[in-house]
Every structure is written in structure tokens, then in C-alpha cells.
Amino acid sequence: MNHQSLTKKYALGLVRALKTEPEFKVCLEQLQTLSAFMAEEEKINFALTSPFIPNSQKRKLLDDILPRLNFDPRVSNLLKILVENERMVWLKEIVSILPDIWYEQQGIETLEVNSAVELKDEEKLELKEELERLERKPVRLIFKLNPEIIGGLLIKKGNIYYDVSIKGNLLKMKEIISTR
């Protein structure tokens, strides 16, 4: 099994143990906090991720830290499993994909919307409603600014891009003209 599949499997394991969105948000925040702390504290990061430190010492460090952090038991279990399987180095990646996995498991499609300018709230709402109609299910939109877009939108769904930008239309026109 490859690295990406394994990180998704760990994230999915945690997500399946959670029942409500508030539970999910608490666990996500705890993992984000720990991930940020590890990024700042090189000694802790090394102690938990280094292949040169025995797992017994990593477990002892976690056993010392976790009670003080008062983490959700499911978060603590995930961290112990990551240490046991020498995968703690993947924590940041797992944290980054957790929201996508959560919403996917809830039947909500995540779409990334790139635009040249910040969209107004009513434009965002109208776009969300139209995309929900087209997808025939709830959607979660992640808005990003992209200065390369002349106008319009570039919508990403997984690995598929829907280009409804002026630049995209100009490139299509160029392609049509060049094939004649």
C-alpha cells in the first residue's frame, strides 16, 4: 500500500469513529494544535518521528504528554497507533486531508473555486446553490484567489477542472483556430 493510501486510511479510521460534526471539529483542532507544536519544537518532533528513537521511548513520551493535553480519547488512540507503526511523521498530511475525508463520508462534495477577485457573499451562496443542483448533493466550497485568472472561475473537483474563465475560453478559441 502506498504512502497516500495509508495516510487516507488513518484519517478514515478516525473519521469513522466520530459521530457528529462538533466531535470532528474538536478532534481536528487538537490534531492541528499538536501538528503545529511539533513543527515549532524540533526536539519533540525528532523524538516522536525519528526512526532512531525506539518505539518504547516514543510511547513513554506520549504517555507523559497526552494526559496533560486532555485530548479526545480517539485522538490519543490515533497518535498511539501512529507511533506504534512509525507513522507519526505523517501527522501533518493526515491532518490536512481530514476535512475532505470527513465531508466525503458525510456525502458532501468538496469543490475548490478559484477566482481573480474575492467573491461577494451572495455570489458565493448563488454559486453553492447552483453547484448543489448540478451535483445533486450538498457541496462544500473552498474559495481561493488566483491572479492568473483574467475573469470567471476555475472549479476543481478532485482531479477534474472546470474552466469557466476568460483565459480558459481564449485558450479554447486559440485551439480551435490553430486546428483549421
C-alpha atoms as a PDB file:
ATOM      1  CA  MET A   1       0.000   0.000   0.000  1.00  0.00           C
ATOM      2  CA  ASN A   2       1.428   3.394  -0.928  1.00  0.00           C
ATOM      3  CA  HIS A   3       2.035   6.361   1.350  1.00  0.00           C
ATOM      4  CA  GLN A   4      -1.027   8.338   0.190  1.00  0.00           C
ATOM      5  CA  SER A   5      -3.355   5.360   0.634  1.00  0.00           C
ATOM      6  CA  LEU A   6      -2.045   4.770   4.140  1.00  0.00           C
ATOM      7  CA  THR A   7      -2.467   8.397   5.238  1.00  0.00           C
ATOM      8  CA  LYS A   8      -6.029   8.282   3.926  1.00  0.00           C
ATOM      9  CA  LYS A   9      -6.625   5.015   5.796  1.00  0.00           C
ATOM     10  CA  TYR A  10      -5.523   6.556   9.123  1.00  0.00           C
ATOM     11  CA  ALA A  11      -7.687   9.639   8.513  1.00  0.00           C
ATOM     12  CA  LEU A  12     -10.643   7.468   7.554  1.00  0.00           C
ATOM     13  CA  GLY A  13     -10.216   5.379  10.707  1.00  0.00           C
ATOM     14  CA  LEU A  14     -10.534   8.469  12.885  1.00  0.00           C
ATOM     15  CA  VAL A  15     -13.427   9.895  10.863  1.00  0.00           C
ATOM     16  CA  ARG A  16     -15.393   6.664  11.142  1.00  0.00           C
ATOM     17  CA  ALA A  17     -15.001   6.755  14.933  1.00  0.00           C
ATOM     18  CA  LEU A  18     -16.665  10.191  15.073  1.00  0.00           C
ATOM     19  CA  LYS A  19     -20.409  10.698  15.026  1.00  0.00           C
ATOM     20  CA  THR A  20     -21.055  14.440  14.892  1.00  0.00           C
ATOM     21  CA  GLU A  21     -19.503  17.499  13.289  1.00  0.00           C
ATOM     22  CA  PRO A  22     -18.745  19.120  16.689  1.00  0.00           C
ATOM     23  CA  GLU A  23     -16.793  15.961  17.665  1.00  0.00           C
ATOM     24  CA  PHE A  24     -14.950  16.149  14.362  1.00  0.00           C
ATOM     25  CA  LYS A  25     -14.073  19.822  14.825  1.00  0.00           C
ATOM     26  CA  VAL A  26     -12.705  19.223  18.342  1.00  0.00           C
ATOM     27  CA  CYS A  27     -10.535  16.320  17.178  1.00  0.00           C
ATOM     28  CA  LEU A  28      -9.326  18.251  14.123  1.00  0.00           C
ATOM     29  CA  GLU A  29      -8.392  21.244  16.271  1.00  0.00           C
ATOM     30  CA  GLN A  30      -6.481  19.030  18.708  1.00  0.00           C
ATOM     31  CA  LEU A  31      -4.531  17.380  15.895  1.00  0.00           C
ATOM     32  CA  GLN A  32      -3.832  20.741  14.225  1.00  0.00           C
ATOM     33  CA  THR A  33      -2.534  22.103  17.522  1.00  0.00           C
ATOM     34  CA  LEU A  34      -0.235  19.128  18.054  1.00  0.00           C
ATOM     35  CA  SER A  35       0.980  19.230  14.447  1.00  0.00           C
ATOM     36  CA  ALA A  36       1.797  22.956  14.747  1.00  0.00           C
ATOM     37  CA  PHE A  37       3.518  22.367  18.095  1.00  0.00           C
ATOM     38  CA  MET A  38       5.656  19.604  16.592  1.00  0.00           C
ATOM     39  CA  ALA A  39       6.602  21.880  13.683  1.00  0.00           C
ATOM     40  CA  GLU A  40       7.813  24.511  16.186  1.00  0.00           C
ATOM     41  CA  GLU A  41       9.501  22.168  18.665  1.00  0.00           C
ATOM     42  CA  GLU A  42      12.262  20.290  16.850  1.00  0.00           C
ATOM     43  CA  LYS A  43      13.195  18.141  19.851  1.00  0.00           C
ATOM     44  CA  ILE A  44       9.631  16.857  20.330  1.00  0.00           C
ATOM     45  CA  ASN A  45       9.248  16.335  16.587  1.00  0.00           C
ATOM     46  CA  PHE A  46      12.509  14.384  16.436  1.00  0.00           C
ATOM     47  CA  ALA A  47      11.597  12.311  19.496  1.00  0.00           C
ATOM     48  CA  LEU A  48       8.231  11.274  18.005  1.00  0.00           C
ATOM     49  CA  THR A  49       9.239  10.812  14.353  1.00  0.00           C
ATOM     50  CA  SER A  50      12.835   9.653  14.283  1.00  0.00           C
ATOM     51  CA  PRO A  51      13.474   6.053  13.264  1.00  0.00           C
ATOM     52  CA  PHE A  52      16.475   6.155  15.607  1.00  0.00           C
ATOM     53  CA  ILE A  53      14.354   6.550  18.738  1.00  0.00           C
ATOM     54  CA  PRO A  54      12.882   3.246  19.972  1.00  0.00           C
ATOM     55  CA  ASN A  55       9.085   2.976  19.952  1.00  0.00           C
ATOM     56  CA  SER A  56       9.129   2.268  23.677  1.00  0.00           C
ATOM     57  CA  GLN A  57      10.594   5.741  24.314  1.00  0.00           C
ATOM     58  CA  LYS A  58       8.090   7.336  21.923  1.00  0.00           C
ATOM     59  CA  ARG A  59       5.211   5.599  23.725  1.00  0.00           C
ATOM     60  CA  LYS A  60       6.565   6.782  27.074  1.00  0.00           C
ATOM     61  CA  LEU A  61       6.769  10.361  25.785  1.00  0.00           C
ATOM     62  CA  LEU A  62       3.170  10.157  24.518  1.00  0.00           C
ATOM     63  CA  ASP A  63       2.027   8.620  27.800  1.00  0.00           C
ATOM     64  CA  ASP A  64       3.598  11.588  29.615  1.00  0.00           C
ATOM     65  CA  ILE A  65       2.200  14.250  27.253  1.00  0.00           C
ATOM     66  CA  LEU A  66      -1.316  13.052  26.420  1.00  0.00           C
ATOM     67  CA  PRO A  67      -2.881  13.193  29.929  1.00  0.00           C
ATOM     68  CA  ARG A  68      -1.778  16.825  30.261  1.00  0.00           C
ATOM     69  CA  LEU A  69      -3.251  17.765  26.868  1.00  0.00           C
ATOM     70  CA  ASN A  70      -6.668  16.319  27.716  1.00  0.00           C
ATOM     71  CA  PHE A  71      -7.177  15.142  24.125  1.00  0.00           C
ATOM     72  CA  ASP A  72     -10.220  13.249  22.966  1.00  0.00           C
ATOM     73  CA  PRO A  73      -9.552   9.508  23.525  1.00  0.00           C
ATOM     74  CA  ARG A  74      -9.930   8.849  19.784  1.00  0.00           C
ATOM     75  CA  VAL A  75      -7.196  11.392  19.029  1.00  0.00           C
ATOM     76  CA  SER A  76      -4.969   9.820  21.671  1.00  0.00           C
ATOM     77  CA  ASN A  77      -5.584   6.379  20.162  1.00  0.00           C
ATOM     78  CA  LEU A  78      -4.721   7.622  16.673  1.00  0.00           C
ATOM     79  CA  LEU A  79      -1.475   9.130  17.961  1.00  0.00           C
ATOM     80  CA  LYS A  80      -0.547   5.899  19.744  1.00  0.00           C
ATOM     81  CA  ILE A  81      -1.237   3.892  16.570  1.00  0.00           C
ATOM     82  CA  LEU A  82       0.881   6.297  14.511  1.00  0.00           C
ATOM     83  CA  VAL A  83       3.775   5.967  16.971  1.00  0.00           C
ATOM     84  CA  GLU A  84       3.414   2.182  17.128  1.00  0.00           C
ATOM     85  CA  ASN A  85       3.530   1.895  13.332  1.00  0.00           C
ATOM     86  CA  GLU A  86       6.282   4.528  12.958  1.00  0.00           C
ATOM     87  CA  ARG A  87       3.960   6.827  11.017  1.00  0.00           C
ATOM     88  CA  MET A  88       3.970   9.897  13.260  1.00  0.00           C
ATOM     89  CA  VAL A  89       5.911  11.705  10.543  1.00  0.00           C
ATOM     90  CA  TRP A  90       2.657  11.626   8.509  1.00  0.00           C
ATOM     91  CA  LEU A  91       0.629  13.541  11.107  1.00  0.00           C
ATOM     92  CA  LYS A  92       0.677  16.821   9.162  1.00  0.00           C
ATOM     93  CA  GLU A  93      -0.569  15.082   5.993  1.00  0.00           C
ATOM     94  CA  ILE A  94      -3.285  13.235   7.886  1.00  0.00           C
ATOM     95  CA  VAL A  95      -4.450  16.493   9.452  1.00  0.00           C
ATOM     96  CA  SER A  96      -4.549  18.200   6.043  1.00  0.00           C
ATOM     97  CA  ILE A  97      -6.809  15.548   4.469  1.00  0.00           C
ATOM     98  CA  LEU A  98      -9.114  15.033   7.475  1.00  0.00           C
ATOM     99  CA  PRO A  99     -11.701  17.675   6.430  1.00  0.00           C
ATOM    100  CA  ASP A 100     -12.001  16.221   2.926  1.00  0.00           C
ATOM    101  CA  ILE A 101     -12.419  12.707   4.322  1.00  0.00           C
ATOM    102  CA  TRP A 102     -14.984  13.894   6.903  1.00  0.00           C
ATOM    103  CA  TYR A 103     -17.141  15.693   4.344  1.00  0.00           C
ATOM    104  CA  GLU A 104     -16.809  12.861   1.828  1.00  0.00           C
ATOM    105  CA  GLN A 105     -18.078  10.424   4.481  1.00  0.00           C
ATOM    106  CA  GLN A 106     -20.994  12.778   5.167  1.00  0.00           C
ATOM    107  CA  GLY A 107     -21.950  12.744   1.463  1.00  0.00           C
ATOM    108  CA  ILE A 108     -20.778  16.312   0.903  1.00  0.00           C
ATOM    109  CA  GLU A 109     -18.744  17.076  -2.239  1.00  0.00           C
ATOM    110  CA  THR A 110     -15.755  19.398  -1.750  1.00  0.00           C
ATOM    111  CA  LEU A 111     -15.030  21.778  -4.609  1.00  0.00           C
ATOM    112  CA  GLU A 112     -12.240  24.328  -4.879  1.00  0.00           C
ATOM    113  CA  VAL A 113     -13.286  27.594  -6.522  1.00  0.00           C
ATOM    114  CA  ASN A 114     -10.513  29.800  -7.907  1.00  0.00           C
ATOM    115  CA  SER A 115     -11.271  33.376  -8.929  1.00  0.00           C
ATOM    116  CA  ALA A 116      -9.303  36.509  -9.766  1.00  0.00           C
ATOM    117  CA  VAL A 117     -11.170  38.579  -7.181  1.00  0.00           C
ATOM    118  CA  GLU A 118     -12.889  37.873  -3.880  1.00  0.00           C
ATOM    119  CA  LEU A 119     -16.492  36.837  -4.490  1.00  0.00           C
ATOM    120  CA  LYS A 120     -19.293  38.575  -2.595  1.00  0.00           C
ATOM    121  CA  ASP A 121     -21.277  36.548  -0.071  1.00  0.00           C
ATOM    122  CA  GLU A 122     -24.364  36.494  -2.287  1.00  0.00           C
ATOM    123  CA  GLU A 123     -22.264  35.316  -5.254  1.00  0.00           C
ATOM    124  CA  LYS A 124     -20.804  32.524  -3.114  1.00  0.00           C
ATOM    125  CA  LEU A 125     -24.270  31.472  -1.993  1.00  0.00           C
ATOM    126  CA  GLU A 126     -25.644  31.540  -5.562  1.00  0.00           C
ATOM    127  CA  LEU A 127     -22.672  29.509  -6.810  1.00  0.00           C
ATOM    128  CA  LYS A 128     -23.100  26.999  -3.969  1.00  0.00           C
ATOM    129  CA  GLU A 129     -26.789  26.555  -4.755  1.00  0.00           C
ATOM    130  CA  GLU A 130     -26.101  26.073  -8.475  1.00  0.00           C
ATOM    131  CA  LEU A 131     -23.310  23.559  -7.840  1.00  0.00           C
ATOM    132  CA  GLU A 132     -25.527  21.625  -5.410  1.00  0.00           C
ATOM    133  CA  ARG A 133     -28.187  21.494  -8.111  1.00  0.00           C
ATOM    134  CA  LEU A 134     -25.659  20.237 -10.692  1.00  0.00           C
ATOM    135  CA  GLU A 135     -24.025  17.737  -8.304  1.00  0.00           C
ATOM    136  CA  ARG A 136     -27.396  16.637  -6.873  1.00  0.00           C
ATOM    137  CA  LYS A 137     -25.917  16.646  -3.367  1.00  0.00           C
ATOM    138  CA  PRO A 138     -24.586  19.091  -0.770  1.00  0.00           C
ATOM    139  CA  VAL A 139     -21.289  20.770  -1.580  1.00  0.00           C
ATOM    140  CA  ARG A 140     -18.588  22.462   0.442  1.00  0.00           C
ATOM    141  CA  LEU A 141     -16.766  25.233  -1.377  1.00  0.00           C
ATOM    142  CA  ILE A 142     -13.204  26.281  -0.687  1.00  0.00           C
ATOM    143  CA  PHE A 143     -12.547  29.698  -2.207  1.00  0.00           C
ATOM    144  CA  LYS A 144      -9.072  30.711  -3.368  1.00  0.00           C
ATOM    145  CA  LEU A 145      -7.756  33.763  -5.157  1.00  0.00           C
ATOM    146  CA  ASN A 146      -5.780  33.077  -8.329  1.00  0.00           C
ATOM    147  CA  PRO A 147      -4.231  36.131 -10.041  1.00  0.00           C
ATOM    148  CA  GLU A 148      -3.632  34.135 -13.251  1.00  0.00           C
ATOM    149  CA  ILE A 149      -7.367  34.055 -13.926  1.00  0.00           C
ATOM    150  CA  ILE A 150      -8.420  37.013 -16.077  1.00  0.00           C
ATOM    151  CA  GLY A 151     -12.074  36.697 -15.153  1.00  0.00           C
ATOM    152  CA  GLY A 152     -14.583  33.968 -14.389  1.00  0.00           C
ATOM    153  CA  LEU A 153     -13.909  30.864 -12.332  1.00  0.00           C
ATOM    154  CA  LEU A 154     -11.803  27.741 -12.282  1.00  0.00           C
ATOM    155  CA  ILE A 155     -13.557  24.986 -10.299  1.00  0.00           C
ATOM    156  CA  LYS A 156     -11.677  21.903  -9.142  1.00  0.00           C
ATOM    157  CA  LYS A 157     -13.485  18.695  -8.183  1.00  0.00           C
ATOM    158  CA  GLY A 158     -10.902  16.111  -7.140  1.00  0.00           C
ATOM    159  CA  ASN A 159      -8.603  15.837 -10.149  1.00  0.00           C
ATOM    160  CA  ILE A 160     -11.129  17.356 -12.578  1.00  0.00           C
ATOM    161  CA  TYR A 161     -11.042  21.050 -13.532  1.00  0.00           C
ATOM    162  CA  TYR A 162     -13.978  23.014 -14.914  1.00  0.00           C
ATOM    163  CA  ASP A 163     -12.592  26.125 -16.557  1.00  0.00           C
ATOM    164  CA  VAL A 164     -15.209  28.850 -16.958  1.00  0.00           C
ATOM    165  CA  SER A 165     -12.677  31.652 -17.053  1.00  0.00           C
ATOM    166  CA  ILE A 166     -11.927  34.146 -19.803  1.00  0.00           C
ATOM    167  CA  LYS A 167      -8.388  32.768 -20.063  1.00  0.00           C
ATOM    168  CA  GLY A 168      -9.759  29.233 -20.474  1.00  0.00           C
ATOM    169  CA  ASN A 169     -12.170  30.374 -23.178  1.00  0.00           C
ATOM    170  CA  LEU A 170      -9.382  32.222 -25.002  1.00  0.00           C
ATOM    171  CA  LEU A 171      -7.208  29.107 -24.907  1.00  0.00           C
ATOM    172  CA  LYS A 172     -10.099  27.029 -26.325  1.00  0.00           C
ATOM    173  CA  MET A 173     -10.597  29.600 -29.083  1.00  0.00           C
ATOM    174  CA  LYS A 174      -6.860  29.531 -29.888  1.00  0.00           C
ATOM    175  CA  GLU A 175      -7.007  25.735 -30.096  1.00  0.00           C
ATOM    176  CA  ILE A 176      -9.984  25.831 -32.485  1.00  0.00           C
ATOM    177  CA  ILE A 177      -8.324  28.450 -34.715  1.00  0.00           C
ATOM    178  CA  SER A 178      -4.996  26.612 -34.825  1.00  0.00           C
ATOM    179  CA  THR A 179      -6.616  23.328 -35.960  1.00  0.00           C
ATOM    180  CA  ARG A 180      -8.253  24.974 -39.013  1.00  0.00           C
END
